[in-house]
Each structure stands twice: as structure tokens, then as C-alpha cells.
């Protein structure tokens, strides 16, 4: 029979997830982003750092110079190295190369 420590949580605080996924350097900065309305969960602006997120939620995060759109893929157990953090989300934002204008074909 599975004990309480064997069961994955259904939700995780948004500030904890942003910190574990290395979107921000500190949990305090993650809480500040959430409380100031710079984070949306499934299109809805949030104002509480304790707001729970679940796997599959789409987060839109307005950082200082960029906007990141991430789908929560996992919660993780800790704030690990960057390689571990990248497994916690799927980046949904278009990349710069996707928006580049097509080059003229010089052979035509």
C-alpha cells in the first residue's frame, strides 16, 4: 500500500514551481511576480503566490525583458540543476527563428 510520501501532490504552489523550474533565481522573486500580477495560469491573472498549479497548466510569465509561456510537465522534488529543471516544463513560446521572414531563394 502506498504511503503518503509515495503519492505525488495534485497541486504545487506557483512560487515553489517557478523557483524549482529555474524561471527565477529566488522563491521571493517568484512570489513577487505572482503577487504583482505578472503571472497568468491558463489565461487568468493571479495575485497570490500560494495559488496552486497542476500538471498541464499553461503559465504566461512576464519577466523584465521577455514573456515566457510554459506548460507544467512535472513538479520535481527539489530545485536541481538546469538539466533537471528543463524537464519540469514545455516551452510554448515561439522562438525567434520561427518569426523570421523567409529568405528569397537566390536560385529563382
PDB file of N, CA and C in Angstrom:
ATOM      1  N   UNK A   1       0.836  -1.168   0.000  1.00  0.00           N
ATOM      2  CA  UNK A   1       0.000   0.000   0.000  1.00  0.00           C
ATOM      3  C   UNK A   1       0.889   1.242   0.000  1.00  0.00           C
ATOM      4  N   UNK A   2       0.540   2.232  -0.790  1.00  0.00           N
ATOM      5  CA  UNK A   2       1.338   3.443  -0.915  1.00  0.00           C
ATOM      6  C   UNK A   2       1.158   4.336   0.302  1.00  0.00           C
ATOM      7  N   UNK A   3       2.282   4.815   0.819  1.00  0.00           N
ATOM      8  CA  UNK A   3       2.247   5.736   1.953  1.00  0.00           C
ATOM      9  C   UNK A   3       2.057   7.160   1.463  1.00  0.00           C
ATOM     10  N   UNK A   4       1.865   8.105   2.368  1.00  0.00           N
ATOM     11  CA  UNK A   4       1.651   9.496   1.980  1.00  0.00           C
ATOM     12  C   UNK A   4       2.822  10.084   1.204  1.00  0.00           C
ATOM     13  N   UNK A   5       4.052   9.633   1.500  1.00  0.00           N
ATOM     14  CA  UNK A   5       5.201  10.175   0.788  1.00  0.00           C
ATOM     15  C   UNK A   5       5.340   9.614  -0.623  1.00  0.00           C
ATOM     16  N   UNK A   6       4.623   8.546  -0.945  1.00  0.00           N
ATOM     17  CA  UNK A   6       4.689   7.944  -2.272  1.00  0.00           C
ATOM     18  C   UNK A   6       3.713   8.578  -3.254  1.00  0.00           C
ATOM     19  N   UNK A   7       2.766   9.346  -2.763  1.00  0.00           N
ATOM     20  CA  UNK A   7       1.737   9.937  -3.614  1.00  0.00           C
ATOM     21  C   UNK A   7       2.186  11.333  -4.043  1.00  0.00           C
ATOM     22  N   UNK A   8       2.184  11.573  -5.351  1.00  0.00           N
ATOM     23  CA  UNK A   8       2.561  12.891  -5.862  1.00  0.00           C
ATOM     24  C   UNK A   8       1.456  13.894  -5.556  1.00  0.00           C
ATOM     25  N   UNK A   9       1.822  15.130  -5.214  1.00  0.00           N
ATOM     26  CA  UNK A   9       0.790  16.129  -4.939  1.00  0.00           C
ATOM     27  C   UNK A   9       0.027  16.479  -6.211  1.00  0.00           C
ATOM     28  N   UNK A  10      -1.254  16.780  -6.053  1.00  0.00           N
ATOM     29  CA  UNK A  10      -2.073  17.152  -7.202  1.00  0.00           C
ATOM     30  C   UNK A  10      -1.781  18.581  -7.633  1.00  0.00           C
ATOM     31  N   UNK A  11      -1.354  19.408  -6.690  1.00  0.00           N
ATOM     32  CA  UNK A  11      -1.042  20.812  -6.963  1.00  0.00           C
ATOM     33  C   UNK A  11       0.226  21.210  -6.221  1.00  0.00           C
ATOM     34  N   UNK A  12       0.862  22.263  -6.729  1.00  0.00           N
ATOM     35  CA  UNK A  12       2.051  22.815  -6.094  1.00  0.00           C
ATOM     36  C   UNK A  12       1.942  24.332  -6.157  1.00  0.00           C
ATOM     37  N   UNK A  13       2.375  25.012  -5.115  1.00  0.00           N
ATOM     38  CA  UNK A  13       2.339  26.478  -5.096  1.00  0.00           C
ATOM     39  C   UNK A  13       3.084  27.028  -6.306  1.00  0.00           C
ATOM     40  N   UNK A  14       2.532  28.081  -6.912  1.00  0.00           N
ATOM     41  CA  UNK A  14       3.142  28.675  -8.103  1.00  0.00           C
ATOM     42  C   UNK A  14       4.544  29.208  -7.812  1.00  0.00           C
ATOM     43  N   UNK A  15       4.758  29.815  -6.646  1.00  0.00           N
ATOM     44  CA  UNK A  15       6.085  30.351  -6.347  1.00  0.00           C
ATOM     45  C   UNK A  15       7.124  29.242  -6.209  1.00  0.00           C
ATOM     46  N   UNK A  16       6.733  28.127  -5.635  1.00  0.00           N
ATOM     47  CA  UNK A  16       7.649  26.992  -5.497  1.00  0.00           C
ATOM     48  C   UNK A  16       7.974  26.422  -6.876  1.00  0.00           C
ATOM     49  N   UNK A  17       6.961  26.275  -7.727  1.00  0.00           N
ATOM     50  CA  UNK A  17       7.200  25.702  -9.055  1.00  0.00           C
ATOM     51  C   UNK A  17       8.107  26.610  -9.886  1.00  0.00           C
ATOM     52  N   UNK A  18       7.858  27.921  -9.892  1.00  0.00           N
ATOM     53  CA  UNK A  18       8.695  28.852 -10.661  1.00  0.00           C
ATOM     54  C   UNK A  18      10.151  28.791 -10.202  1.00  0.00           C
ATOM     55  N   UNK A  19      10.351  28.630  -8.907  1.00  0.00           N
ATOM     56  CA  UNK A  19      11.699  28.540  -8.353  1.00  0.00           C
ATOM     57  C   UNK A  19      12.355  27.218  -8.731  1.00  0.00           C
ATOM     58  N   UNK A  20      11.633  26.110  -8.574  1.00  0.00           N
ATOM     59  CA  UNK A  20      12.195  24.796  -8.920  1.00  0.00           C
ATOM     60  C   UNK A  20      12.504  24.686 -10.404  1.00  0.00           C
ATOM     61  N   UNK A  21      11.675  25.291 -11.249  1.00  0.00           N
ATOM     62  CA  UNK A  21      11.878  25.232 -12.698  1.00  0.00           C
ATOM     63  C   UNK A  21      12.930  26.232 -13.168  1.00  0.00           C
ATOM     64  N   UNK A  22      13.507  26.985 -12.235  1.00  0.00           N
ATOM     65  CA  UNK A  22      14.562  27.957 -12.520  1.00  0.00           C
ATOM     66  C   UNK A  22      14.105  29.067 -13.459  1.00  0.00           C
ATOM     67  N   UNK A  23      12.831  29.426 -13.380  1.00  0.00           N
ATOM     68  CA  UNK A  23      12.328  30.577 -14.125  1.00  0.00           C
ATOM     69  C   UNK A  23      12.857  31.847 -13.460  1.00  0.00           C
ATOM     70  N   UNK A  24      12.982  31.812 -12.134  1.00  0.00           N
ATOM     71  CA  UNK A  24      13.537  32.918 -11.347  1.00  0.00           C
ATOM     72  C   UNK A  24      14.602  32.368 -10.402  1.00  0.00           C
ATOM     73  N   UNK A  25      15.455  33.264  -9.904  1.00  0.00           N
ATOM     74  CA  UNK A  25      16.563  32.825  -9.053  1.00  0.00           C
ATOM     75  C   UNK A  25      16.156  32.559  -7.613  1.00  0.00           C
ATOM     76  N   UNK A  26      15.148  33.279  -7.121  1.00  0.00           N
ATOM     77  CA  UNK A  26      14.758  33.106  -5.723  1.00  0.00           C
ATOM     78  C   UNK A  26      13.262  32.876  -5.613  1.00  0.00           C
ATOM     79  N   UNK A  27      12.883  32.213  -4.542  1.00  0.00           N
ATOM     80  CA  UNK A  27      11.461  31.984  -4.308  1.00  0.00           C
ATOM     81  C   UNK A  27      10.766  33.306  -3.973  1.00  0.00           C
ATOM     82  N   UNK A  28      11.486  34.211  -3.330  1.00  0.00           N
ATOM     83  CA  UNK A  28      10.919  35.527  -3.028  1.00  0.00           C
ATOM     84  C   UNK A  28      10.574  36.271  -4.318  1.00  0.00           C
ATOM     85  N   UNK A  29      11.433  36.171  -5.336  1.00  0.00           N
ATOM     86  CA  UNK A  29      11.155  36.820  -6.633  1.00  0.00           C
ATOM     87  C   UNK A  29       9.957  36.158  -7.298  1.00  0.00           C
ATOM     88  N   UNK A  30       9.828  34.848  -7.169  1.00  0.00           N
ATOM     89  CA  UNK A  30       8.675  34.138  -7.724  1.00  0.00           C
ATOM     90  C   UNK A  30       7.391  34.617  -7.058  1.00  0.00           C
ATOM     91  N   UNK A  31       7.415  34.776  -5.745  1.00  0.00           N
ATOM     92  CA  UNK A  31       6.244  35.264  -5.015  1.00  0.00           C
ATOM     93  C   UNK A  31       5.911  36.690  -5.434  1.00  0.00           C
ATOM     94  N   UNK A  32       6.933  37.505  -5.618  1.00  0.00           N
ATOM     95  CA  UNK A  32       6.736  38.895  -6.038  1.00  0.00           C
ATOM     96  C   UNK A  32       6.074  38.963  -7.416  1.00  0.00           C
ATOM     97  N   UNK A  33       6.531  38.138  -8.348  1.00  0.00           N
ATOM     98  CA  UNK A  33       5.922  38.101  -9.686  1.00  0.00           C
ATOM     99  C   UNK A  33       4.448  37.732  -9.610  1.00  0.00           C
ATOM    100  N   UNK A  34       4.144  36.708  -8.835  1.00  0.00           N
ATOM    101  CA  UNK A  34       2.759  36.249  -8.717  1.00  0.00           C
ATOM    102  C   UNK A  34       1.886  37.313  -8.063  1.00  0.00           C
ATOM    103  N   UNK A  35       2.353  37.910  -6.985  1.00  0.00           N
ATOM    104  CA  UNK A  35       1.557  38.888  -6.250  1.00  0.00           C
ATOM    105  C   UNK A  35       1.354  40.184  -7.020  1.00  0.00           C
ATOM    106  N   UNK A  36       2.270  40.503  -7.929  1.00  0.00           N
ATOM    107  CA  UNK A  36       2.145  41.741  -8.695  1.00  0.00           C
ATOM    108  C   UNK A  36       1.380  41.554  -9.999  1.00  0.00           C
ATOM    109  N   UNK A  37       0.853  40.357 -10.238  1.00  0.00           N
ATOM    110  CA  UNK A  37       0.022  40.125 -11.412  1.00  0.00           C
ATOM    111  C   UNK A  37       0.768  39.845 -12.696  1.00  0.00           C
ATOM    112  N   UNK A  38       2.042  39.482 -12.602  1.00  0.00           N
ATOM    113  CA  UNK A  38       2.841  39.209 -13.798  1.00  0.00           C
ATOM    114  C   UNK A  38       2.770  37.752 -14.243  1.00  0.00           C
ATOM    115  N   UNK A  39       1.917  36.965 -13.602  1.00  0.00           N
ATOM    116  CA  UNK A  39       1.783  35.547 -13.942  1.00  0.00           C
ATOM    117  C   UNK A  39       0.318  35.247 -14.237  1.00  0.00           C
ATOM    118  N   UNK A  40       0.097  34.511 -15.316  1.00  0.00           N
ATOM    119  CA  UNK A  40      -1.245  34.030 -15.656  1.00  0.00           C
ATOM    120  C   UNK A  40      -1.216  32.509 -15.678  1.00  0.00           C
ATOM    121  N   UNK A  41      -2.279  31.911 -15.172  1.00  0.00           N
ATOM    122  CA  UNK A  41      -2.438  30.461 -15.200  1.00  0.00           C
ATOM    123  C   UNK A  41      -3.642  30.174 -16.073  1.00  0.00           C
ATOM    124  N   UNK A  42      -3.417  29.495 -17.181  1.00  0.00           N
ATOM    125  CA  UNK A  42      -4.475  29.192 -18.148  1.00  0.00           C
ATOM    126  C   UNK A  42      -5.230  30.455 -18.551  1.00  0.00           C
ATOM    127  N   UNK A  43      -4.484  31.550 -18.742  1.00  0.00           N
ATOM    128  CA  UNK A  43      -5.062  32.801 -19.212  1.00  0.00           C
ATOM    129  C   UNK A  43      -5.638  33.695 -18.131  1.00  0.00           C
ATOM    130  N   UNK A  44      -5.692  33.238 -16.894  1.00  0.00           N
ATOM    131  CA  UNK A  44      -6.253  34.042 -15.806  1.00  0.00           C
ATOM    132  C   UNK A  44      -5.130  34.615 -14.948  1.00  0.00           C
ATOM    133  N   UNK A  45      -5.145  35.936 -14.788  1.00  0.00           N
ATOM    134  CA  UNK A  45      -4.134  36.602 -13.967  1.00  0.00           C
ATOM    135  C   UNK A  45      -4.297  36.178 -12.512  1.00  0.00           C
ATOM    136  N   UNK A  46      -3.182  35.910 -11.859  1.00  0.00           N
ATOM    137  CA  UNK A  46      -3.240  35.527 -10.447  1.00  0.00           C
ATOM    138  C   UNK A  46      -2.601  36.624  -9.606  1.00  0.00           C
ATOM    139  N   UNK A  47      -2.928  36.638  -8.333  1.00  0.00           N
ATOM    140  CA  UNK A  47      -2.361  37.660  -7.450  1.00  0.00           C
ATOM    141  C   UNK A  47      -1.881  37.071  -6.129  1.00  0.00           C
ATOM    142  N   UNK A  48      -1.774  35.751  -6.063  1.00  0.00           N
ATOM    143  CA  UNK A  48      -1.344  35.102  -4.825  1.00  0.00           C
ATOM    144  C   UNK A  48      -0.238  34.093  -5.119  1.00  0.00           C
ATOM    145  N   UNK A  49       0.837  34.172  -4.335  1.00  0.00           N
ATOM    146  CA  UNK A  49       1.961  33.252  -4.516  1.00  0.00           C
ATOM    147  C   UNK A  49       1.594  31.827  -4.135  1.00  0.00           C
ATOM    148  N   UNK A  50       0.562  31.669  -3.331  1.00  0.00           N
ATOM    149  CA  UNK A  50       0.139  30.346  -2.889  1.00  0.00           C
ATOM    150  C   UNK A  50      -0.813  29.661  -3.840  1.00  0.00           C
ATOM    151  N   UNK A  51      -1.107  30.277  -4.966  1.00  0.00           N
ATOM    152  CA  UNK A  51      -2.017  29.692  -5.959  1.00  0.00           C
ATOM    153  C   UNK A  51      -1.428  28.373  -6.431  1.00  0.00           C
ATOM    154  N   UNK A  52      -2.223  27.330  -6.434  1.00  0.00           N
ATOM    155  CA  UNK A  52      -1.748  26.022  -6.854  1.00  0.00           C
ATOM    156  C   UNK A  52      -1.766  25.866  -8.362  1.00  0.00           C
ATOM    157  N   UNK A  53      -0.767  25.181  -8.888  1.00  0.00           N
ATOM    158  CA  UNK A  53      -0.754  24.812 -10.300  1.00  0.00           C
ATOM    159  C   UNK A  53      -0.743  23.297 -10.372  1.00  0.00           C
ATOM    160  N   UNK A  54      -1.255  22.778 -11.478  1.00  0.00           N
ATOM    161  CA  UNK A  54      -1.267  21.333 -11.665  1.00  0.00           C
ATOM    162  C   UNK A  54      -0.597  21.006 -12.990  1.00  0.00           C
ATOM    163  N   UNK A  55      -0.247  19.772 -13.160  1.00  0.00           N
ATOM    164  CA  UNK A  55       0.398  19.337 -14.396  1.00  0.00           C
ATOM    165  C   UNK A  55      -0.569  19.571 -15.550  1.00  0.00           C
ATOM    166  N   UNK A  56      -0.060  20.190 -16.609  1.00  0.00           N
ATOM    167  CA  UNK A  56      -0.870  20.518 -17.772  1.00  0.00           C
ATOM    168  C   UNK A  56      -1.277  21.979 -17.828  1.00  0.00           C
ATOM    169  N   UNK A  57      -1.167  22.712 -16.710  1.00  0.00           N
ATOM    170  CA  UNK A  57      -1.491  24.142 -16.708  1.00  0.00           C
ATOM    171  C   UNK A  57      -0.517  24.893 -17.605  1.00  0.00           C
ATOM    172  N   UNK A  58      -1.022  25.938 -18.270  1.00  0.00           N
ATOM    173  CA  UNK A  58      -0.185  26.792 -19.105  1.00  0.00           C
ATOM    174  C   UNK A  58       0.042  28.099 -18.356  1.00  0.00           C
ATOM    175  N   UNK A  59       1.310  28.430 -18.145  1.00  0.00           N
ATOM    176  CA  UNK A  59       1.684  29.638 -17.417  1.00  0.00           C
ATOM    177  C   UNK A  59       2.243  30.665 -18.382  1.00  0.00           C
ATOM    178  N   UNK A  60       1.801  31.897 -18.259  1.00  0.00           N
ATOM    179  CA  UNK A  60       2.353  33.014 -19.009  1.00  0.00           C
ATOM    180  C   UNK A  60       3.014  33.922 -17.982  1.00  0.00           C
ATOM    181  N   UNK A  61       4.319  34.098 -18.117  1.00  0.00           N
ATOM    182  CA  UNK A  61       5.091  34.830 -17.123  1.00  0.00           C
ATOM    183  C   UNK A  61       5.743  36.027 -17.790  1.00  0.00           C
ATOM    184  N   UNK A  62       5.405  37.228 -17.310  1.00  0.00           N
ATOM    185  CA  UNK A  62       6.000  38.461 -17.828  1.00  0.00           C
ATOM    186  C   UNK A  62       7.236  38.776 -16.999  1.00  0.00           C
ATOM    187  N   UNK A  63       8.393  38.524 -17.585  1.00  0.00           N
ATOM    188  CA  UNK A  63       9.653  38.838 -16.924  1.00  0.00           C
ATOM    189  C   UNK A  63      10.102  40.219 -17.390  1.00  0.00           C
ATOM    190  N   UNK A  64      11.247  40.682 -16.941  1.00  0.00           N
ATOM    191  CA  UNK A  64      11.669  42.045 -17.234  1.00  0.00           C
ATOM    192  C   UNK A  64      11.811  42.331 -18.725  1.00  0.00           C
ATOM    193  N   UNK A  65      12.393  41.430 -19.473  1.00  0.00           N
ATOM    194  CA  UNK A  65      12.638  41.693 -20.891  1.00  0.00           C
ATOM    195  C   UNK A  65      11.971  40.701 -21.827  1.00  0.00           C
ATOM    196  N   UNK A  66      11.216  39.787 -21.280  1.00  0.00           N
ATOM    197  CA  UNK A  66      10.619  38.752 -22.118  1.00  0.00           C
ATOM    198  C   UNK A  66       9.346  38.214 -21.481  1.00  0.00           C
ATOM    199  N   UNK A  67       8.569  37.534 -22.288  1.00  0.00           N
ATOM    200  CA  UNK A  67       7.382  36.832 -21.802  1.00  0.00           C
ATOM    201  C   UNK A  67       7.600  35.358 -22.105  1.00  0.00           C
ATOM    202  N   UNK A  68       7.448  34.533 -21.099  1.00  0.00           N
ATOM    203  CA  UNK A  68       7.613  33.090 -21.283  1.00  0.00           C
ATOM    204  C   UNK A  68       6.264  32.416 -21.159  1.00  0.00           C
ATOM    205  N   UNK A  69       6.017  31.459 -22.034  1.00  0.00           N
ATOM    206  CA  UNK A  69       4.796  30.660 -21.992  1.00  0.00           C
ATOM    207  C   UNK A  69       5.236  29.215 -21.798  1.00  0.00           C
ATOM    208  N   UNK A  70       4.859  28.640 -20.656  1.00  0.00           N
ATOM    209  CA  UNK A  70       5.326  27.312 -20.279  1.00  0.00           C
ATOM    210  C   UNK A  70       4.155  26.431 -19.883  1.00  0.00           C
ATOM    211  N   UNK A  71       4.224  25.157 -20.273  1.00  0.00           N
ATOM    212  CA  UNK A  71       3.245  24.168 -19.813  1.00  0.00           C
ATOM    213  C   UNK A  71       3.912  23.345 -18.717  1.00  0.00           C
ATOM    214  N   UNK A  72       3.240  23.231 -17.576  1.00  0.00           N
ATOM    215  CA  UNK A  72       3.770  22.472 -16.444  1.00  0.00           C
ATOM    216  C   UNK A  72       3.757  20.991 -16.813  1.00  0.00           C
ATOM    217  N   UNK A  73       4.937  20.354 -16.810  1.00  0.00           N
ATOM    218  CA  UNK A  73       5.047  18.939 -17.156  1.00  0.00           C
ATOM    219  C   UNK A  73       5.276  18.066 -15.926  1.00  0.00           C
ATOM    220  N   UNK A  74       5.876  18.642 -14.892  1.00  0.00           N
ATOM    221  CA  UNK A  74       6.180  17.887 -13.673  1.00  0.00           C
ATOM    222  C   UNK A  74       6.424  18.884 -12.551  1.00  0.00           C
ATOM    223  N   UNK A  75       6.423  18.407 -11.317  1.00  0.00           N
ATOM    224  CA  UNK A  75       6.664  19.277 -10.168  1.00  0.00           C
ATOM    225  C   UNK A  75       8.110  19.225  -9.693  1.00  0.00           C
ATOM    226  N   UNK A  76       8.757  18.099  -9.830  1.00  0.00           N
ATOM    227  CA  UNK A  76      10.100  17.947  -9.300  1.00  0.00           C
ATOM    228  C   UNK A  76      10.065  17.843  -7.783  1.00  0.00           C
ATOM    229  N   UNK A  77      11.142  17.338  -7.216  1.00  0.00           N
ATOM    230  CA  UNK A  77      11.229  17.169  -5.766  1.00  0.00           C
ATOM    231  C   UNK A  77      12.087  18.238  -5.110  1.00  0.00           C
ATOM    232  N   UNK A  78      12.866  18.955  -5.926  1.00  0.00           N
ATOM    233  CA  UNK A  78      13.806  19.929  -5.385  1.00  0.00           C
ATOM    234  C   UNK A  78      14.177  20.916  -6.481  1.00  0.00           C
ATOM    235  N   UNK A  79      14.956  21.914  -6.127  1.00  0.00           N
ATOM    236  CA  UNK A  79      15.496  22.834  -7.124  1.00  0.00           C
ATOM    237  C   UNK A  79      16.847  22.270  -7.540  1.00  0.00           C
ATOM    238  N   UNK A  80      16.832  21.501  -8.586  1.00  0.00           N
ATOM    239  CA  UNK A  80      18.043  20.832  -9.030  1.00  0.00           C
ATOM    240  C   UNK A  80      18.772  21.626 -10.094  1.00  0.00           C
ATOM    241  N   UNK A  81      19.708  20.981 -10.779  1.00  0.00           N
ATOM    242  CA  UNK A  81      20.457  21.644 -11.845  1.00  0.00           C
ATOM    243  C   UNK A  81      19.551  21.986 -13.030  1.00  0.00           C
ATOM    244  N   UNK A  82      20.059  22.813 -13.917  1.00  0.00           N
ATOM    245  CA  UNK A  82      19.274  23.288 -15.058  1.00  0.00           C
ATOM    246  C   UNK A  82      18.735  22.135 -15.906  1.00  0.00           C
ATOM    247  N   UNK A  83      19.516  21.080 -16.065  1.00  0.00           N
ATOM    248  CA  UNK A  83      19.051  19.948 -16.869  1.00  0.00           C
ATOM    249  C   UNK A  83      17.822  19.305 -16.240  1.00  0.00           C
ATOM    250  N   UNK A  84      17.798  19.243 -14.928  1.00  0.00           N
ATOM    251  CA  UNK A  84      16.648  18.690 -14.215  1.00  0.00           C
ATOM    252  C   UNK A  84      15.453  19.646 -14.296  1.00  0.00           C
ATOM    253  N   UNK A  85      15.726  20.933 -14.216  1.00  0.00           N
ATOM    254  CA  UNK A  85      14.662  21.940 -14.258  1.00  0.00           C
ATOM    255  C   UNK A  85      13.962  21.961 -15.613  1.00  0.00           C
ATOM    256  N   UNK A  86      14.697  21.740 -16.697  1.00  0.00           N
ATOM    257  CA  UNK A  86      14.093  21.764 -18.038  1.00  0.00           C
ATOM    258  C   UNK A  86      13.062  20.663 -18.230  1.00  0.00           C
ATOM    259  N   UNK A  87      13.143  19.612 -17.434  1.00  0.00           N
ATOM    260  CA  UNK A  87      12.174  18.517 -17.532  1.00  0.00           C
ATOM    261  C   UNK A  87      10.850  18.870 -16.858  1.00  0.00           C
ATOM    262  N   UNK A  88      10.802  19.986 -16.146  1.00  0.00           N
ATOM    263  CA  UNK A  88       9.584  20.364 -15.430  1.00  0.00           C
ATOM    264  C   UNK A  88       8.580  21.106 -16.299  1.00  0.00           C
ATOM    265  N   UNK A  89       8.985  21.541 -17.495  1.00  0.00           N
ATOM    266  CA  UNK A  89       8.080  22.326 -18.337  1.00  0.00           C
ATOM    267  C   UNK A  89       8.331  22.092 -19.818  1.00  0.00           C
ATOM    268  N   UNK A  90       7.334  22.494 -20.593  1.00  0.00           N
ATOM    269  CA  UNK A  90       7.441  22.529 -22.052  1.00  0.00           C
ATOM    270  C   UNK A  90       7.315  23.988 -22.451  1.00  0.00           C
ATOM    271  N   UNK A  91       8.284  24.505 -23.198  1.00  0.00           N
ATOM    272  CA  UNK A  91       8.273  25.908 -23.612  1.00  0.00           C
ATOM    273  C   UNK A  91       7.358  26.055 -24.822  1.00  0.00           C
ATOM    274  N   UNK A  92       6.299  26.847 -24.687  1.00  0.00           N
ATOM    275  CA  UNK A  92       5.320  27.017 -25.756  1.00  0.00           C
ATOM    276  C   UNK A  92       5.497  28.312 -26.530  1.00  0.00           C
ATOM    277  N   UNK A  93       6.386  29.185 -26.089  1.00  0.00           N
ATOM    278  CA  UNK A  93       6.586  30.471 -26.754  1.00  0.00           C
ATOM    279  C   UNK A  93       7.261  30.247 -28.099  1.00  0.00           C
ATOM    280  N   UNK A  94       6.852  31.008 -29.109  1.00  0.00           N
ATOM    281  CA  UNK A  94       7.523  30.883 -30.404  1.00  0.00           C
ATOM    282  C   UNK A  94       8.962  31.365 -30.283  1.00  0.00           C
ATOM    283  N   UNK A  95       9.844  30.675 -30.956  1.00  0.00           N
ATOM    284  CA  UNK A  95      11.252  31.045 -30.926  1.00  0.00           C
ATOM    285  C   UNK A  95      11.512  32.094 -31.993  1.00  0.00           C
ATOM    286  N   UNK A  96      12.591  32.844 -31.850  1.00  0.00           N
ATOM    287  CA  UNK A  96      12.887  33.932 -32.777  1.00  0.00           C
ATOM    288  C   UNK A  96      13.006  33.432 -34.210  1.00  0.00           C
ATOM    289  N   UNK A  97      13.575  32.265 -34.418  1.00  0.00           N
ATOM    290  CA  UNK A  97      13.735  31.741 -35.772  1.00  0.00           C
ATOM    291  C   UNK A  97      12.391  31.433 -36.419  1.00  0.00           C
ATOM    292  N   UNK A  98      11.362  31.123 -35.609  1.00  0.00           N
ATOM    293  CA  UNK A  98      10.043  30.838 -36.154  1.00  0.00           C
ATOM    294  C   UNK A  98       9.392  32.090 -36.725  1.00  0.00           C
ATOM    295  N   UNK A  99       9.763  33.271 -36.218  1.00  0.00           N
ATOM    296  CA  UNK A  99       9.159  34.522 -36.658  1.00  0.00           C
ATOM    297  C   UNK A  99       9.951  35.200 -37.761  1.00  0.00           C
ATOM    298  N   UNK A 100      11.095  34.659 -38.110  1.00  0.00           N
ATOM    299  CA  UNK A 100      11.941  35.282 -39.117  1.00  0.00           C
ATOM    300  C   UNK A 100      11.263  35.231 -40.484  1.00  0.00           C
ATOM    301  N   UNK A 101      11.461  36.287 -41.242  1.00  0.00           N
ATOM    302  CA  UNK A 101      10.886  36.345 -42.588  1.00  0.00           C
ATOM    303  C   UNK A 101      11.614  35.345 -43.478  1.00  0.00           C
ATOM    304  N   UNK A 102      10.887  34.667 -44.362  1.00  0.00           N
ATOM    305  CA  UNK A 102      11.556  33.713 -45.249  1.00  0.00           C
ATOM    306  C   UNK A 102      12.529  34.433 -46.179  1.00  0.00           C
ATOM    307  N   UNK A 103      13.650  33.801 -46.409  1.00  0.00           N
ATOM    308  CA  UNK A 103      14.663  34.371 -47.290  1.00  0.00           C
ATOM    309  C   UNK A 103      14.283  34.098 -48.748  1.00  0.00           C
ATOM    310  N   UNK A 104      14.610  35.054 -49.620  1.00  0.00           N
ATOM    311  CA  UNK A 104      14.373  34.842 -51.050  1.00  0.00           C
ATOM    312  C   UNK A 104      15.311  33.755 -51.546  1.00  0.00           C
ATOM    313  N   UNK A 105      14.801  32.927 -52.429  1.00  0.00           N
ATOM    314  CA  UNK A 105      15.615  31.859 -52.990  1.00  0.00           C
ATOM    315  C   UNK A 105      16.506  32.458 -54.074  1.00  0.00           C
ATOM    316  N   UNK A 106      17.825  32.427 -53.911  1.00  0.00           N
ATOM    317  CA  UNK A 106      18.717  33.039 -54.897  1.00  0.00           C
ATOM    318  C   UNK A 106      18.733  32.285 -56.223  1.00  0.00           C
ATOM    319  N   UNK A 107      18.202  31.070 -56.257  1.00  0.00           N
ATOM    320  CA  UNK A 107      18.235  30.290 -57.491  1.00  0.00           C
ATOM    321  C   UNK A 107      17.075  30.623 -58.417  1.00  0.00           C
ATOM    322  N   UNK A 108      16.119  31.360 -57.965  1.00  0.00           N
ATOM    323  CA  UNK A 108      14.952  31.661 -58.817  1.00  0.00           C
ATOM    324  C   UNK A 108      15.193  32.851 -59.683  1.00  0.00           C
TER     325      UNK A 108
END
